[in-house]
Amino acid sequence: MSATTDQGRDAGVSHAAKNRALVKLVSTTAVGFGVFLSGFVIDEPAPYELYMAGLIGIWALFGLRLSRTVSVLLAILVVFNIGGVISMGQMPDLKTAPMYIAVSLFLGVTAVFFAAIINANHRILPVIFNAYILAAVCTSLLGILGYFDAFPGAEVFTRYGRAMGAFQDPNVFGPFLMLPLAWLVHGVLVGDLRALPIRLIPILIITLGIFLSFSRAAWGMAALIIAGLALLLFVRNPDRLFRLRIILLACLAVVVVVLAVVVALQIPSVAELFTARAQLVQDYDDAQFGRFARHWYGLLMSIDHPFGIGPLEFGPIFGEDTHNIWLKAALDYGWIGFISYLTLTMLTLALGLRILFRERPWQPFLLCAYLVYVMHVAIGNVIDTDHWRHFWLLIGIVWGCAALEVRHQNRQKSTEVFPPEHAQRSCDRIGSHE
């Protein structure tokens, strides 16, 4: 009888374990697919929004928990969008403003979602990064094929003669490719060199996509991210052989990139557009109502309108959008939104930097995401990033890792207060009383 009972109990445990494994597989696959969809944003709302809305809703029903750290992120983002609602109230005609603010709020919720699930289990990070790489390769291939007009209708993946993949703008397409590029390069620098050919193929595809986007911001970001990654790894690891490896691989990368650019420039259309885009300042930057002049006009306008002027109202007034995320925050979300966004940026930078070099299982993911986030903060001075899906994913990764660090520190404190030996002695005493 006892043996039969034990067998039944073992079968039940085994069945429960299989169910848990199945739920974990389904949930991680669902998250990965959501990240994959972030590479295909041709219109708003995109499939990404529709899918992630359902995913977040289901996850919330089945136990999505927000730690104190993640709750702070949520609070900041709610206040940010409250500023947008107040700004919307200044508009005589709402037009598409309600949908714009709804998308803004939702993208903020996605950052909270990613931070929460990373905090719950850091093993979701490889799934997120691998899905992101797959999305980057697919959308890069679409941009490359579109640029070379490889099939009928391929021009839908280009704009102004520039590759844009499955995005609305080449200037979003290029920055989207930064995180997978950083992660693949990180793997080359620290991983097994025997896996180099496997990493090299997606690196070349993504790099060509970045180049053909002809985005000056993306070109600069790619160069600085790779250089920053190599420098940080070089400084962090004192091993001479490792440092020599970093130097040799960096030199090899420079040679490969230069050769690739030289080969690409043999194509007349590429050379012509490269020459035009390689200029640091374009005509539309320093014209009378160019990008930099609009920044000044926008600054004066933001001072006069503390509640904002309404989402997307700046463009119809001056002919182009603000192309500056700080002015965008002040004008579209009011002073409340600007202060909230500034707080979010400063906290994200501080939290990430504070734990950047700590030996943790999630440290490599944080390192790459943090570098890419810093570059996005930098280019926010010349472009609007508030509706970039991958930008909020970056924020979610950094805050998720910060929340993981808080959990790690709390566990360490608990161990110091109640060391394992003390806990065992307590259990022994309880057993003796029984």
Protein backbone atom coordinates (compact mmCIF):
# COMPACT_ATOMS: atom_id res chain seq x y z
CA MET A 1 0.00 0.00 0.00
CA SER A 2 2.81 2.37 0.92
CA ALA A 3 4.68 1.60 -2.32
CA THR A 4 1.54 2.29 -4.35
CA THR A 5 1.05 5.59 -2.56
CA ASP A 6 4.68 6.61 -3.19
CA GLN A 7 4.34 5.74 -6.87
CA GLY A 8 1.19 7.82 -7.14
CA ARG A 9 2.86 10.75 -5.39
CA ASP A 10 5.90 10.51 -7.72
CA ALA A 11 3.63 10.40 -10.76
CA GLY A 12 1.81 13.50 -9.52
CA VAL A 13 5.06 15.36 -8.94
CA SER A 14 6.30 14.36 -12.39
CA HIS A 15 3.04 15.49 -14.02
CA ALA A 16 3.19 18.84 -12.18
CA ALA A 17 6.81 19.32 -13.26
CA LYS A 18 5.86 18.65 -16.88
CA ASN A 19 3.03 21.17 -16.64
CA ARG A 20 5.38 23.80 -15.20
CA ALA A 21 7.90 23.13 -17.97
CA LEU A 22 5.16 23.45 -20.60
CA VAL A 23 3.88 26.72 -19.12
CA LYS A 24 7.44 28.07 -19.01
CA LEU A 25 8.04 27.10 -22.64
CA VAL A 26 4.79 28.69 -23.81
CA SER A 27 5.35 31.89 -21.80
CA THR A 28 8.95 32.38 -22.93
CA THR A 29 8.01 31.68 -26.56
CA ALA A 30 5.19 34.22 -26.28
CA VAL A 31 7.59 36.87 -24.96
CA GLY A 32 10.11 36.08 -27.68
CA PHE A 33 7.46 36.43 -30.38
CA GLY A 34 6.43 39.80 -28.96
CA VAL A 35 10.02 41.05 -29.11
CA PHE A 36 10.29 39.70 -32.66
CA LEU A 37 7.23 41.75 -33.71
CA SER A 38 8.96 44.95 -32.56
CA GLY A 39 10.98 44.80 -35.77
CA PHE A 40 7.90 45.31 -37.94
CA VAL A 41 6.29 48.71 -37.37
CA ILE A 42 4.91 50.06 -40.65
CA ASP A 43 1.87 51.75 -39.13
CA GLU A 44 0.30 52.57 -35.75
CA PRO A 45 -1.09 50.69 -34.00
CA ALA A 46 1.33 48.00 -35.20
CA PRO A 47 0.89 44.23 -34.74
CA TYR A 48 3.34 44.63 -31.86
CA GLU A 49 0.85 46.75 -29.91
CA LEU A 50 -2.09 44.40 -30.51
CA TYR A 51 -0.11 41.31 -29.59
CA MET A 52 1.61 42.80 -26.55
CA ALA A 53 -1.69 44.16 -25.21
CA GLY A 54 -3.05 40.62 -25.13
CA LEU A 55 0.17 39.17 -23.74
CA ILE A 56 0.43 41.71 -20.92
CA GLY A 57 -3.24 41.22 -20.09
CA ILE A 58 -2.88 37.45 -19.86
CA TRP A 59 0.35 37.74 -17.86
CA ALA A 60 -1.33 40.16 -15.44
CA LEU A 61 -4.16 37.69 -14.86
CA PHE A 62 -1.74 34.89 -14.04
CA GLY A 63 0.59 36.58 -11.61
CA LEU A 64 2.56 39.54 -13.02
CA ARG A 65 4.18 41.08 -9.94
CA LEU A 66 5.68 44.55 -9.66
CA SER A 67 8.56 45.02 -7.23
CA ARG A 68 9.18 48.38 -5.59
CA THR A 69 11.80 49.23 -8.19
CA VAL A 70 9.49 48.42 -11.10
CA SER A 71 6.62 50.27 -9.38
CA VAL A 72 8.75 53.42 -9.37
CA LEU A 73 9.19 53.06 -13.13
CA LEU A 74 5.43 52.66 -13.55
CA ALA A 75 4.71 55.75 -11.43
CA ILE A 76 7.09 57.93 -13.47
CA LEU A 77 5.58 56.79 -16.75
CA VAL A 78 2.02 57.37 -15.53
CA VAL A 79 2.88 60.94 -14.53
CA PHE A 80 4.62 61.44 -17.89
CA ASN A 81 1.46 60.49 -19.76
CA ILE A 82 -0.77 62.50 -17.44
CA GLY A 83 1.24 65.46 -18.70
CA GLY A 84 0.34 64.38 -22.24
CA VAL A 85 -3.37 64.27 -21.36
CA ILE A 86 -3.19 67.77 -19.86
CA SER A 87 -1.32 68.99 -22.94
CA MET A 88 -4.01 67.44 -25.12
CA GLY A 89 -6.55 69.60 -23.30
CA GLN A 90 -4.88 72.71 -24.75
CA MET A 91 -5.83 71.71 -28.32
CA PRO A 92 -8.94 73.18 -29.99
CA ASP A 93 -9.11 70.12 -32.23
CA LEU A 94 -7.86 66.79 -30.83
CA LYS A 95 -7.21 65.19 -34.27
CA THR A 96 -5.08 62.07 -33.67
CA ALA A 97 -3.79 63.17 -30.25
CA PRO A 98 -5.82 60.64 -28.19
CA MET A 99 -4.38 57.73 -30.17
CA TYR A 100 -0.89 59.20 -29.85
CA ILE A 101 -1.12 59.44 -26.07
CA ALA A 102 -2.70 55.98 -25.89
CA VAL A 103 0.30 54.54 -27.76
CA SER A 104 2.67 56.48 -25.50
CA LEU A 105 1.04 55.06 -22.39
CA PHE A 106 1.04 51.57 -23.81
CA LEU A 107 4.72 51.69 -24.75
CA GLY A 108 5.47 52.81 -21.21
CA VAL A 109 3.50 49.80 -19.95
CA THR A 110 5.63 47.51 -22.15
CA ALA A 111 8.76 48.86 -20.43
CA VAL A 112 7.19 48.03 -17.06
CA PHE A 113 6.20 44.58 -18.32
CA PHE A 114 9.70 43.71 -19.52
CA ALA A 115 11.23 45.02 -16.30
CA ALA A 116 8.80 42.91 -14.25
CA ILE A 117 9.35 39.63 -16.10
CA ILE A 118 13.13 40.11 -16.09
CA ASN A 119 12.98 40.76 -12.36
CA ALA A 120 10.93 37.58 -11.93
CA ASN A 121 13.42 35.44 -13.86
CA HIS A 122 16.64 36.70 -15.43
CA ARG A 123 16.71 33.62 -17.71
CA ILE A 124 14.18 35.39 -19.92
CA LEU A 125 16.98 37.73 -21.08
CA PRO A 126 18.54 35.26 -23.59
CA VAL A 127 15.07 34.72 -25.08
CA ILE A 128 14.57 38.47 -25.47
CA PHE A 129 17.98 39.01 -27.04
CA ASN A 130 17.75 36.04 -29.42
CA ALA A 131 14.29 37.09 -30.60
CA TYR A 132 15.59 40.63 -31.10
CA ILE A 133 18.50 39.34 -33.20
CA LEU A 134 16.11 37.32 -35.37
CA ALA A 135 13.90 40.39 -35.88
CA ALA A 136 16.95 42.52 -36.73
CA VAL A 137 18.21 40.02 -39.32
CA CYS A 138 14.78 39.70 -40.95
CA THR A 139 14.07 43.43 -41.14
CA SER A 140 17.67 44.09 -42.31
CA LEU A 141 17.23 41.61 -45.14
CA LEU A 142 14.01 43.36 -46.15
CA GLY A 143 15.81 46.71 -46.16
CA ILE A 144 18.73 45.34 -48.17
CA LEU A 145 16.49 43.61 -50.71
CA GLY A 146 14.40 46.74 -50.95
CA TYR A 147 17.42 48.95 -51.52
CA PHE A 148 18.62 46.80 -54.41
CA ASP A 149 15.05 46.39 -55.74
CA ALA A 150 15.47 42.62 -55.59
CA PHE A 151 11.81 41.79 -56.31
CA PRO A 152 8.66 43.58 -57.50
CA GLY A 153 7.32 45.89 -54.79
CA ALA A 154 10.55 45.76 -52.79
CA GLU A 155 10.68 49.57 -52.79
CA VAL A 156 8.12 49.52 -49.96
CA PHE A 157 11.07 48.77 -47.67
CA THR A 158 12.94 51.94 -48.67
CA ARG A 159 12.36 55.67 -48.42
CA TYR A 160 14.21 58.50 -50.16
CA GLY A 161 16.55 55.87 -51.64
CA ARG A 162 17.46 54.62 -48.14
CA ALA A 163 16.81 51.20 -46.62
CA MET A 164 14.24 51.27 -43.81
CA GLY A 165 13.26 47.61 -43.48
CA ALA A 166 9.77 47.04 -42.06
CA PHE A 167 9.73 50.50 -40.45
CA GLN A 168 8.25 53.87 -41.30
CA ASP A 169 11.57 55.70 -41.31
CA PRO A 170 15.25 54.83 -42.01
CA ASN A 171 16.16 56.89 -38.94
CA VAL A 172 14.25 54.42 -36.74
CA PHE A 173 15.37 51.34 -38.65
CA GLY A 174 19.08 52.07 -38.10
CA PRO A 175 18.93 52.59 -34.31
CA PHE A 176 16.70 49.51 -33.94
CA LEU A 177 19.64 47.38 -35.09
CA MET A 178 22.02 48.62 -32.38
CA LEU A 179 21.23 46.20 -29.54
CA PRO A 180 21.56 42.99 -31.61
CA LEU A 181 24.76 44.35 -33.14
CA ALA A 182 26.15 45.08 -29.66
CA TRP A 183 25.20 41.63 -28.36
CA LEU A 184 26.70 39.81 -31.34
CA VAL A 185 29.92 41.82 -31.12
CA HIS A 186 30.05 41.12 -27.37
CA GLY A 187 29.83 37.41 -28.19
CA VAL A 188 32.73 37.74 -30.62
CA LEU A 189 34.87 39.58 -28.07
CA VAL A 190 34.29 37.28 -25.10
CA GLY A 191 32.87 34.06 -26.57
CA ASP A 192 34.33 30.96 -28.18
CA LEU A 193 36.14 31.93 -31.38
CA ARG A 194 34.98 28.66 -32.93
CA ALA A 195 31.49 30.18 -33.01
CA LEU A 196 32.78 33.26 -34.88
CA PRO A 197 31.40 32.19 -38.31
CA ILE A 198 27.94 31.72 -36.79
CA ARG A 199 27.98 35.24 -35.34
CA LEU A 200 29.67 36.78 -38.35
CA ILE A 201 26.77 36.15 -40.74
CA PRO A 202 24.13 38.10 -38.76
CA ILE A 203 26.73 40.77 -37.94
CA LEU A 204 27.38 41.35 -41.65
CA ILE A 205 23.66 41.42 -42.49
CA ILE A 206 22.87 43.87 -39.70
CA THR A 207 25.91 46.04 -40.48
CA LEU A 208 24.91 46.27 -44.14
CA GLY A 209 21.39 47.20 -43.07
CA ILE A 210 22.80 49.99 -40.89
CA PHE A 211 25.01 51.24 -43.69
CA LEU A 212 22.22 51.26 -46.29
CA SER A 213 19.90 53.13 -43.93
CA PHE A 214 22.23 56.09 -44.53
CA SER A 215 21.36 57.32 -41.05
CA ARG A 216 24.18 59.45 -39.71
CA ALA A 217 22.92 58.83 -36.18
CA ALA A 218 22.96 55.06 -36.72
CA TRP A 219 26.47 55.15 -38.21
CA GLY A 220 27.78 57.11 -35.24
CA MET A 221 25.93 54.93 -32.73
CA ALA A 222 27.32 51.72 -34.22
CA ALA A 223 30.90 53.00 -34.14
CA LEU A 224 30.65 54.34 -30.59
CA ILE A 225 28.84 51.28 -29.21
CA ILE A 226 31.42 48.85 -30.61
CA ALA A 227 34.31 51.04 -29.46
CA GLY A 228 32.73 51.54 -26.04
CA LEU A 229 32.08 47.82 -25.66
CA ALA A 230 35.67 46.94 -26.52
CA LEU A 231 37.01 49.65 -24.18
CA LEU A 232 34.85 48.61 -21.21
CA LEU A 233 35.75 44.94 -21.62
CA PHE A 234 39.42 45.88 -22.00
CA VAL A 235 39.41 47.96 -18.80
CA ARG A 236 37.31 45.49 -16.83
CA ASN A 237 39.44 42.41 -17.54
CA PRO A 238 43.13 42.69 -16.45
CA ASP A 239 44.16 39.46 -18.20
CA ARG A 240 46.85 40.28 -20.80
CA LEU A 241 45.83 37.56 -23.23
CA PHE A 242 42.22 38.73 -23.12
CA ARG A 243 43.29 42.33 -23.74
CA LEU A 244 45.47 41.23 -26.65
CA ARG A 245 42.47 39.38 -28.06
CA ILE A 246 40.34 42.53 -27.77
CA ILE A 247 42.97 44.59 -29.61
CA LEU A 248 43.40 42.03 -32.41
CA LEU A 249 39.66 41.56 -32.92
CA ALA A 250 39.10 45.32 -32.87
CA CYS A 251 41.75 45.81 -35.54
CA LEU A 252 40.24 42.99 -37.59
CA ALA A 253 36.79 44.55 -37.28
CA VAL A 254 38.09 47.91 -38.50
CA VAL A 255 39.73 46.28 -41.50
CA VAL A 256 36.58 44.32 -42.38
CA VAL A 257 34.35 47.40 -42.08
CA VAL A 258 36.67 49.54 -44.19
CA LEU A 259 36.87 46.86 -46.89
CA ALA A 260 33.08 46.45 -46.87
CA VAL A 261 32.55 50.20 -47.22
CA VAL A 262 35.09 50.40 -50.04
CA VAL A 263 33.34 47.57 -51.89
CA ALA A 264 29.91 49.15 -51.34
CA LEU A 265 31.14 52.51 -52.62
CA GLN A 266 31.93 50.90 -55.97
CA ILE A 267 28.19 51.00 -56.64
CA PRO A 268 27.54 54.51 -58.07
CA SER A 269 24.15 55.02 -56.36
CA VAL A 270 25.61 54.02 -52.99
CA ALA A 271 28.63 56.29 -53.43
CA GLU A 272 26.46 59.26 -54.39
CA LEU A 273 24.10 58.92 -51.44
CA PHE A 274 26.97 58.17 -49.06
CA THR A 275 28.75 61.37 -50.09
CA ALA A 276 25.60 63.39 -49.49
CA ARG A 277 24.73 61.77 -46.15
CA ALA A 278 28.30 61.77 -44.81
CA GLN A 279 28.18 65.55 -44.34
CA LEU A 280 27.81 66.33 -40.65
CA VAL A 281 25.34 69.19 -41.23
CA GLN A 282 22.70 68.96 -43.95
CA ASP A 283 20.89 71.86 -45.60
CA TYR A 284 17.73 71.16 -43.62
CA ASP A 285 19.70 71.38 -40.35
CA ASP A 286 20.94 74.98 -40.49
CA ALA A 287 18.31 76.60 -42.74
CA GLN A 288 16.22 79.53 -41.48
CA PHE A 289 13.54 77.12 -40.25
CA GLY A 290 15.82 74.09 -40.16
CA ARG A 291 16.26 71.56 -37.39
CA PHE A 292 18.47 73.72 -35.15
CA ALA A 293 16.36 76.86 -35.64
CA ARG A 294 13.25 74.87 -34.72
CA HIS A 295 14.96 73.81 -31.52
CA TRP A 296 15.31 77.46 -30.52
CA TYR A 297 11.74 78.33 -31.48
CA GLY A 298 10.50 75.27 -29.62
CA LEU A 299 12.42 76.25 -26.50
CA LEU A 300 10.80 79.71 -26.49
CA MET A 301 7.39 78.17 -27.08
CA SER A 302 7.81 75.66 -24.25
CA ILE A 303 8.56 78.51 -21.82
CA ASP A 304 5.31 80.23 -22.78
CA HIS A 305 3.21 77.06 -22.60
CA PRO A 306 3.83 75.20 -19.31
CA PHE A 307 0.93 72.82 -20.03
CA GLY A 308 2.24 72.08 -23.51
CA ILE A 309 0.70 72.78 -26.91
CA GLY A 310 -0.68 69.31 -27.57
CA PRO A 311 0.77 66.14 -29.11
CA LEU A 312 1.94 66.50 -32.72
CA GLU A 313 1.05 70.21 -32.86
CA PHE A 314 4.60 71.46 -33.38
CA GLY A 315 4.95 69.91 -36.85
CA PRO A 316 1.98 71.69 -38.50
CA ILE A 317 3.19 75.01 -37.09
CA PHE A 318 6.82 74.80 -38.28
CA GLY A 319 6.57 72.26 -41.09
CA GLU A 320 8.60 69.55 -39.29
CA ASP A 321 8.51 67.81 -35.93
CA THR A 322 10.72 68.96 -33.05
CA HIS A 323 13.47 66.36 -33.70
CA ASN A 324 14.53 66.79 -30.09
CA ILE A 325 13.12 64.53 -27.41
CA TRP A 326 13.50 67.16 -24.66
CA LEU A 327 11.45 69.71 -26.59
CA LYS A 328 9.07 66.94 -27.57
CA ALA A 329 8.53 66.14 -23.90
CA ALA A 330 8.03 69.80 -22.97
CA LEU A 331 5.68 70.68 -25.84
CA ASP A 332 3.70 67.46 -26.26
CA TYR A 333 3.57 66.48 -22.57
CA GLY A 334 4.00 69.87 -20.86
CA TRP A 335 6.36 70.72 -18.04
CA ILE A 336 4.98 67.78 -16.06
CA GLY A 337 5.98 65.45 -18.87
CA PHE A 338 9.38 67.10 -19.28
CA ILE A 339 10.23 66.75 -15.58
CA SER A 340 9.01 63.15 -15.59
CA TYR A 341 11.05 62.28 -18.68
CA LEU A 342 14.14 63.98 -17.26
CA THR A 343 13.69 62.03 -14.01
CA LEU A 344 13.26 58.78 -15.93
CA THR A 345 16.41 59.39 -17.96
CA MET A 346 18.58 60.36 -15.00
CA LEU A 347 17.38 57.41 -12.91
CA THR A 348 17.86 54.93 -15.75
CA LEU A 349 21.40 56.17 -16.36
CA ALA A 350 22.23 56.17 -12.64
CA LEU A 351 20.72 52.76 -11.85
CA GLY A 352 22.43 51.12 -14.80
CA LEU A 353 25.83 52.69 -14.17
CA ARG A 354 25.74 51.77 -10.48
CA ILE A 355 25.55 48.03 -11.21
CA LEU A 356 27.21 47.92 -14.62
CA PHE A 357 30.37 46.05 -13.60
CA ARG A 358 29.04 43.75 -10.90
CA GLU A 359 29.57 40.05 -11.54
CA ARG A 360 26.05 38.79 -12.10
CA PRO A 361 24.50 36.32 -14.56
CA TRP A 362 22.64 39.22 -16.20
CA GLN A 363 25.64 41.59 -16.37
CA PRO A 364 26.53 41.00 -20.08
CA PHE A 365 22.94 41.74 -21.12
CA LEU A 366 22.88 44.88 -19.00
CA LEU A 367 26.22 46.06 -20.40
CA CYS A 368 25.01 45.90 -24.00
CA ALA A 369 21.57 47.35 -23.27
CA TYR A 370 23.04 50.18 -21.20
CA LEU A 371 25.52 51.24 -23.89
CA VAL A 372 22.78 51.23 -26.51
CA TYR A 373 20.47 53.20 -24.19
CA VAL A 374 23.16 55.84 -23.59
CA MET A 375 23.50 56.26 -27.36
CA HIS A 376 19.73 56.64 -27.68
CA VAL A 377 19.75 59.34 -25.01
CA ALA A 378 22.46 61.12 -27.01
CA ILE A 379 20.64 61.02 -30.35
CA GLY A 380 17.48 62.17 -28.59
CA ASN A 381 18.95 65.65 -29.00
CA VAL A 382 18.35 65.49 -32.75
CA ILE A 383 15.41 63.10 -33.09
CA ASP A 384 12.19 62.10 -31.32
CA THR A 385 12.38 58.68 -29.65
CA ASP A 386 9.20 58.60 -27.54
CA HIS A 387 7.40 56.16 -29.89
CA TRP A 388 10.30 53.82 -30.62
CA ARG A 389 9.27 50.35 -29.41
CA HIS A 390 12.82 49.15 -28.89
CA PHE A 391 13.66 52.26 -26.84
CA TRP A 392 11.14 51.24 -24.18
CA LEU A 393 12.45 47.68 -24.31
CA LEU A 394 15.91 49.05 -23.49
CA ILE A 395 14.47 50.92 -20.51
CA GLY A 396 12.70 47.76 -19.38
CA ILE A 397 15.94 45.75 -19.56
CA VAL A 398 17.92 48.29 -17.52
CA TRP A 399 15.21 48.63 -14.86
CA GLY A 400 14.66 44.87 -14.79
CA CYS A 401 18.37 44.31 -14.10
CA ALA A 402 18.28 47.04 -11.43
CA ALA A 403 15.37 45.24 -9.77
CA LEU A 404 17.30 41.95 -9.96
CA GLU A 405 20.21 43.62 -8.17
CA VAL A 406 17.89 44.79 -5.38
CA ARG A 407 16.64 41.22 -4.95
CA HIS A 408 20.21 39.94 -4.94
CA GLN A 409 21.25 42.45 -2.27
CA ASN A 410 18.21 41.60 -0.12
CA ARG A 411 19.05 37.90 -0.30
CA GLN A 412 22.63 38.63 0.75
CA LYS A 413 21.43 40.67 3.73
CA SER A 414 19.08 37.84 4.75
CA THR A 415 21.96 35.37 4.57
CA GLU A 416 24.13 37.63 6.74
CA VAL A 417 21.39 38.00 9.36
CA PHE A 418 20.39 34.33 9.25
CA PRO A 419 23.41 32.35 8.02
CA PRO A 420 22.76 28.76 6.86
CA GLU A 421 24.49 27.31 9.93
CA HIS A 422 22.23 29.32 12.24
CA ALA A 423 19.14 28.24 10.32
CA GLN A 424 20.21 24.57 10.54
CA ARG A 425 20.82 24.82 14.31
CA SER A 426 17.39 26.38 14.73
CA CYS A 427 15.80 23.53 12.80
CA ASP A 428 17.69 21.01 14.95
CA ARG A 429 16.43 22.67 18.15
CA ILE A 430 12.86 22.65 16.87
CA GLY A 431 13.23 18.97 15.98
CA SER A 432 14.56 18.13 19.46
CA HIS A 433 11.58 19.87 21.12
CA GLU A 434 9.22 17.82 18.98
